[in-house]
Amino acid sequence: MKLLFGVLLLLFSADVLTQETLHRNPFMPVQAAQCPTAAIEEEQQVLSWALRGVIGRDDNWYGWIQTQTGGWIRIARQKPLPLFYWQLDRLLYGSAQFSDKSASRGTCRSRSIIELKLRK
């Protein structure tokens, strides 16, 4: 009986050890490990941007962002961004705030809002 119990215990533990959950990065939270790679890449992309200029008044503001590769993006509230997971939430003189589109559904990223300040 002890032998049968030992064999079953070994088989069960071998099955548990081969589960896919052990193949994830143990230093990342489980939710972050399930985050789509594209979402993480977009977050890093937005964090690498530099807000270089903002003009306008009232609700009609335009801004210019310089990307890490040296390219430029013109941003405005009514103009869509070249992003899927992030959107321009607020644009005022000196700052642009981007929000995670999926924040209301529970996000897998470390932040749901990124604010860029004007750099000179």
C-alpha atoms as a PDB file:
ATOM      1  CA  MET A   1       0.000   0.000   0.000  1.00  0.00           C
ATOM      2  CA  LYS A   2       2.836   2.414   0.843  1.00  0.00           C
ATOM      3  CA  LEU A   3       4.461   1.590  -2.506  1.00  0.00           C
ATOM      4  CA  LEU A   4       1.250   2.371  -4.407  1.00  0.00           C
ATOM      5  CA  PHE A   5       0.857   5.624  -2.484  1.00  0.00           C
ATOM      6  CA  GLY A   6       4.485   6.556  -3.255  1.00  0.00           C
ATOM      7  CA  VAL A   7       4.055   5.839  -6.987  1.00  0.00           C
ATOM      8  CA  LEU A   8       0.838   7.895  -7.146  1.00  0.00           C
ATOM      9  CA  LEU A   9       2.540  10.736  -5.302  1.00  0.00           C
ATOM     10  CA  LEU A  10       5.443  10.695  -7.756  1.00  0.00           C
ATOM     11  CA  LEU A  11       3.099  10.667 -10.761  1.00  0.00           C
ATOM     12  CA  PHE A  12       1.014  13.512  -9.356  1.00  0.00           C
ATOM     13  CA  SER A  13       4.050  15.635  -8.521  1.00  0.00           C
ATOM     14  CA  ALA A  14       5.534  15.019 -11.990  1.00  0.00           C
ATOM     15  CA  ASP A  15       2.262  16.189 -13.548  1.00  0.00           C
ATOM     16  CA  VAL A  16       2.229  19.312 -11.392  1.00  0.00           C
ATOM     17  CA  LEU A  17       5.852  20.116 -12.211  1.00  0.00           C
ATOM     18  CA  THR A  18       5.173  20.011 -15.937  1.00  0.00           C
ATOM     19  CA  GLN A  19       2.346  22.560 -15.735  1.00  0.00           C
ATOM     20  CA  GLU A  20       2.818  25.614 -17.940  1.00  0.00           C
ATOM     21  CA  THR A  21       2.505  28.017 -15.011  1.00  0.00           C
ATOM     22  CA  LEU A  22       6.041  27.131 -13.968  1.00  0.00           C
ATOM     23  CA  HIS A  23       7.389  28.340 -17.322  1.00  0.00           C
ATOM     24  CA  ARG A  24       6.485  31.978 -16.679  1.00  0.00           C
ATOM     25  CA  ASN A  25       8.906  34.558 -15.313  1.00  0.00           C
ATOM     26  CA  PRO A  26       8.687  34.223 -11.521  1.00  0.00           C
ATOM     27  CA  PHE A  27       9.672  37.871 -10.998  1.00  0.00           C
ATOM     28  CA  MET A  28       6.650  39.241 -12.870  1.00  0.00           C
ATOM     29  CA  PRO A  29       3.125  39.256 -11.417  1.00  0.00           C
ATOM     30  CA  VAL A  30       0.820  36.666 -12.956  1.00  0.00           C
ATOM     31  CA  GLN A  31      -1.358  39.347 -14.590  1.00  0.00           C
ATOM     32  CA  ALA A  32       1.648  41.029 -16.210  1.00  0.00           C
ATOM     33  CA  ALA A  33       2.864  37.684 -17.525  1.00  0.00           C
ATOM     34  CA  GLN A  34      -0.464  37.300 -19.387  1.00  0.00           C
ATOM     35  CA  CYS A  35      -0.280  40.745 -20.947  1.00  0.00           C
ATOM     36  CA  PRO A  36      -0.028  40.796 -24.759  1.00  0.00           C
ATOM     37  CA  THR A  37       3.475  41.580 -25.924  1.00  0.00           C
ATOM     38  CA  ALA A  38       2.163  44.373 -28.147  1.00  0.00           C
ATOM     39  CA  ALA A  39       0.594  46.111 -25.120  1.00  0.00           C
ATOM     40  CA  ILE A  40       3.882  46.071 -23.211  1.00  0.00           C
ATOM     41  CA  GLU A  41       5.768  47.326 -26.268  1.00  0.00           C
ATOM     42  CA  GLU A  42       3.305  50.198 -26.741  1.00  0.00           C
ATOM     43  CA  GLU A  43       3.662  51.227 -23.110  1.00  0.00           C
ATOM     44  CA  GLN A  44       7.448  51.338 -23.504  1.00  0.00           C
ATOM     45  CA  GLN A  45       7.038  53.256 -26.754  1.00  0.00           C
ATOM     46  CA  VAL A  46       4.886  55.956 -25.111  1.00  0.00           C
ATOM     47  CA  LEU A  47       7.332  56.180 -22.194  1.00  0.00           C
ATOM     48  CA  SER A  48      10.186  56.831 -24.654  1.00  0.00           C
ATOM     49  CA  TRP A  49       8.399  59.748 -26.335  1.00  0.00           C
ATOM     50  CA  ALA A  50       9.314  63.384 -25.667  1.00  0.00           C
ATOM     51  CA  LEU A  51       6.732  66.148 -25.839  1.00  0.00           C
ATOM     52  CA  ARG A  52       8.456  68.976 -27.734  1.00  0.00           C
ATOM     53  CA  GLY A  53       5.717  71.542 -28.300  1.00  0.00           C
ATOM     54  CA  VAL A  54       2.085  72.415 -27.633  1.00  0.00           C
ATOM     55  CA  ILE A  55       0.018  75.253 -29.091  1.00  0.00           C
ATOM     56  CA  GLY A  56      -3.632  76.191 -28.985  1.00  0.00           C
ATOM     57  CA  ARG A  57      -6.338  77.406 -26.629  1.00  0.00           C
ATOM     58  CA  ASP A  58      -9.588  76.287 -25.038  1.00  0.00           C
ATOM     59  CA  ASP A  59     -10.318  72.772 -26.373  1.00  0.00           C
ATOM     60  CA  ASN A  60      -8.279  73.146 -29.556  1.00  0.00           C
ATOM     61  CA  TRP A  61      -4.718  72.066 -28.649  1.00  0.00           C
ATOM     62  CA  TYR A  62      -2.062  70.519 -30.882  1.00  0.00           C
ATOM     63  CA  GLY A  63       1.189  68.944 -29.801  1.00  0.00           C
ATOM     64  CA  TRP A  64       4.340  67.480 -31.298  1.00  0.00           C
ATOM     65  CA  ILE A  65       6.022  64.390 -29.978  1.00  0.00           C
ATOM     66  CA  GLN A  66       9.481  63.240 -30.901  1.00  0.00           C
ATOM     67  CA  THR A  67       9.870  59.469 -30.961  1.00  0.00           C
ATOM     68  CA  GLN A  68      12.921  57.571 -29.809  1.00  0.00           C
ATOM     69  CA  THR A  69      13.916  56.971 -33.432  1.00  0.00           C
ATOM     70  CA  GLY A  70      13.835  60.713 -34.174  1.00  0.00           C
ATOM     71  CA  GLY A  71      10.482  60.753 -35.962  1.00  0.00           C
ATOM     72  CA  TRP A  72       7.678  63.192 -35.209  1.00  0.00           C
ATOM     73  CA  ILE A  73       4.018  62.648 -34.370  1.00  0.00           C
ATOM     74  CA  ARG A  74       1.464  65.474 -34.407  1.00  0.00           C
ATOM     75  CA  ILE A  75      -1.119  64.901 -31.712  1.00  0.00           C
ATOM     76  CA  ALA A  76      -4.566  66.376 -31.103  1.00  0.00           C
ATOM     77  CA  ARG A  77      -7.593  65.205 -29.142  1.00  0.00           C
ATOM     78  CA  GLN A  78      -9.603  64.487 -32.272  1.00  0.00           C
ATOM     79  CA  LYS A  79      -6.737  62.811 -34.143  1.00  0.00           C
ATOM     80  CA  PRO A  80      -6.145  59.063 -33.647  1.00  0.00           C
ATOM     81  CA  LEU A  81      -2.720  57.886 -32.523  1.00  0.00           C
ATOM     82  CA  PRO A  82      -0.681  55.146 -34.205  1.00  0.00           C
ATOM     83  CA  LEU A  83      -1.396  52.992 -31.119  1.00  0.00           C
ATOM     84  CA  PHE A  84      -3.902  50.286 -30.333  1.00  0.00           C
ATOM     85  CA  TYR A  85      -3.775  50.103 -26.519  1.00  0.00           C
ATOM     86  CA  TRP A  86      -3.215  53.783 -25.623  1.00  0.00           C
ATOM     87  CA  GLN A  87      -5.134  56.977 -26.361  1.00  0.00           C
ATOM     88  CA  LEU A  88      -4.527  60.690 -25.886  1.00  0.00           C
ATOM     89  CA  ASP A  89      -6.661  61.620 -22.926  1.00  0.00           C
ATOM     90  CA  ARG A  90      -5.745  65.257 -22.284  1.00  0.00           C
ATOM     91  CA  LEU A  91      -3.576  67.823 -24.028  1.00  0.00           C
ATOM     92  CA  LEU A  92      -2.846  71.185 -22.446  1.00  0.00           C
ATOM     93  CA  TYR A  93      -0.007  73.654 -22.556  1.00  0.00           C
ATOM     94  CA  GLY A  94       3.040  71.829 -21.226  1.00  0.00           C
ATOM     95  CA  SER A  95       1.623  68.321 -20.873  1.00  0.00           C
ATOM     96  CA  ALA A  96       0.001  65.438 -22.680  1.00  0.00           C
ATOM     97  CA  GLN A  97      -1.737  62.648 -20.824  1.00  0.00           C
ATOM     98  CA  PHE A  98      -2.226  59.216 -22.338  1.00  0.00           C
ATOM     99  CA  SER A  99      -4.525  56.600 -20.854  1.00  0.00           C
ATOM    100  CA  ASP A 100      -4.807  52.867 -21.199  1.00  0.00           C
ATOM    101  CA  LYS A 101      -7.889  52.051 -23.278  1.00  0.00           C
ATOM    102  CA  SER A 102      -8.434  48.790 -21.381  1.00  0.00           C
ATOM    103  CA  ALA A 103      -8.116  50.275 -17.855  1.00  0.00           C
ATOM    104  CA  SER A 104     -11.844  49.837 -17.184  1.00  0.00           C
ATOM    105  CA  ARG A 105     -11.652  46.120 -18.025  1.00  0.00           C
ATOM    106  CA  GLY A 106      -8.700  45.493 -15.724  1.00  0.00           C
ATOM    107  CA  THR A 107      -5.254  46.098 -17.044  1.00  0.00           C
ATOM    108  CA  CYS A 108      -2.196  43.906 -17.122  1.00  0.00           C
ATOM    109  CA  ARG A 109       0.231  46.813 -17.231  1.00  0.00           C
ATOM    110  CA  SER A 110       1.964  48.567 -14.375  1.00  0.00           C
ATOM    111  CA  ARG A 111       0.285  51.924 -15.066  1.00  0.00           C
ATOM    112  CA  SER A 112      -2.924  53.110 -16.656  1.00  0.00           C
ATOM    113  CA  ILE A 113      -1.894  56.756 -17.209  1.00  0.00           C
ATOM    114  CA  ILE A 114       1.295  58.192 -18.696  1.00  0.00           C
ATOM    115  CA  GLU A 115       1.880  61.936 -18.606  1.00  0.00           C
ATOM    116  CA  LEU A 116       4.514  63.574 -20.774  1.00  0.00           C
ATOM    117  CA  LYS A 117       5.795  66.980 -19.751  1.00  0.00           C
ATOM    118  CA  LEU A 118       7.124  69.556 -22.195  1.00  0.00           C
ATOM    119  CA  ARG A 119      10.897  69.221 -22.623  1.00  0.00           C
ATOM    120  CA  LYS A 120      12.895  72.083 -24.013  1.00  0.00           C
END
